[in-house]
Amino acid sequence: MDACNPMKTPVDKGLHLQNGESTPYENTREYQALTGSLTYATMSTHPDIAYITQFLSQVNKSPTQ
């Protein structure tokens, strides 16, 4: 890991998504399946973007638009 180059992420670490006032996502199951698939794919292929997929998974219970 000594030769690795650090990368900036598009989101600050420690930031949490908040439940907003926007309209609920129509198909919660589809959102959950999509974020799950992205998380699985990034863990084995692109760990550099795995953080953002985990970030999106924070609102799996009740996603909004």
Protein backbone atom coordinates (compact mmCIF):
# COMPACT_ATOMS: atom_id res chain seq x y z
CA MET A 1 0.00 0.00 0.00
CA ASP A 2 3.04 2.30 0.12
CA ALA A 3 2.85 2.95 -3.62
CA CYS A 4 -0.89 3.74 -3.66
CA ASN A 5 -2.12 7.20 -4.56
CA PRO A 6 -4.86 8.67 -2.35
CA MET A 7 -8.04 9.74 -4.13
CA LYS A 8 -10.62 12.31 -3.16
CA THR A 9 -14.16 11.04 -2.80
CA PRO A 10 -17.17 12.99 -4.07
CA VAL A 11 -18.63 12.99 -0.55
CA ASP A 12 -17.02 14.00 2.74
CA LYS A 13 -16.42 11.06 5.07
CA GLY A 14 -18.75 10.98 8.04
CA LEU A 15 -21.61 12.68 6.15
CA HIS A 16 -25.04 11.07 6.53
CA LEU A 17 -28.06 11.45 4.29
CA GLN A 18 -31.06 13.03 5.95
CA ASN A 19 -34.71 12.17 5.40
CA GLY A 20 -36.02 15.04 3.36
CA GLU A 21 -39.37 16.52 2.55
CA SER A 22 -39.31 15.27 -1.05
CA THR A 23 -41.66 12.68 -2.52
CA PRO A 24 -40.98 9.03 -1.70
CA TYR A 25 -39.40 6.86 -4.37
CA GLU A 26 -42.16 4.85 -6.06
CA ASN A 27 -40.45 1.45 -6.10
CA THR A 28 -38.42 0.97 -2.92
CA ARG A 29 -37.58 -2.64 -3.83
CA GLU A 30 -36.02 -1.54 -7.13
CA TYR A 31 -33.85 1.06 -5.33
CA GLN A 32 -32.71 -1.56 -2.81
CA ALA A 33 -31.87 -4.05 -5.57
CA LEU A 34 -29.93 -1.43 -7.53
CA THR A 35 -27.85 -0.24 -4.58
CA GLY A 36 -27.19 -3.84 -3.53
CA SER A 37 -26.00 -4.77 -7.02
CA LEU A 38 -23.77 -1.70 -7.21
CA THR A 39 -22.29 -2.43 -3.80
CA TYR A 40 -21.53 -6.03 -4.74
CA ALA A 41 -19.96 -5.00 -8.05
CA THR A 42 -17.80 -2.24 -6.57
CA MET A 43 -16.42 -4.40 -3.77
CA SER A 44 -14.72 -6.73 -6.21
CA THR A 45 -14.00 -4.42 -9.14
CA HIS A 46 -13.81 -0.76 -8.07
CA PRO A 47 -13.14 -0.37 -4.36
CA ASP A 48 -12.43 3.33 -4.97
CA ILE A 49 -16.14 4.00 -5.51
CA ALA A 50 -17.39 1.50 -2.91
CA TYR A 51 -17.75 4.29 -0.34
CA ILE A 52 -20.36 6.15 -2.39
CA THR A 53 -22.44 3.02 -2.97
CA GLN A 54 -22.42 2.35 0.77
CA PHE A 55 -23.40 6.00 1.26
CA LEU A 56 -26.44 5.53 -1.01
CA SER A 57 -27.40 2.40 0.91
CA GLN A 58 -28.03 4.49 4.04
CA VAL A 59 -31.52 5.34 2.82
CA ASN A 60 -32.57 1.84 1.72
CA LYS A 61 -35.45 1.83 4.18
CA SER A 62 -37.31 4.84 2.76
CA PRO A 63 -35.62 6.43 -0.28
CA THR A 64 -36.94 9.72 -1.64
CA GLN A 65 -36.55 11.46 -5.01
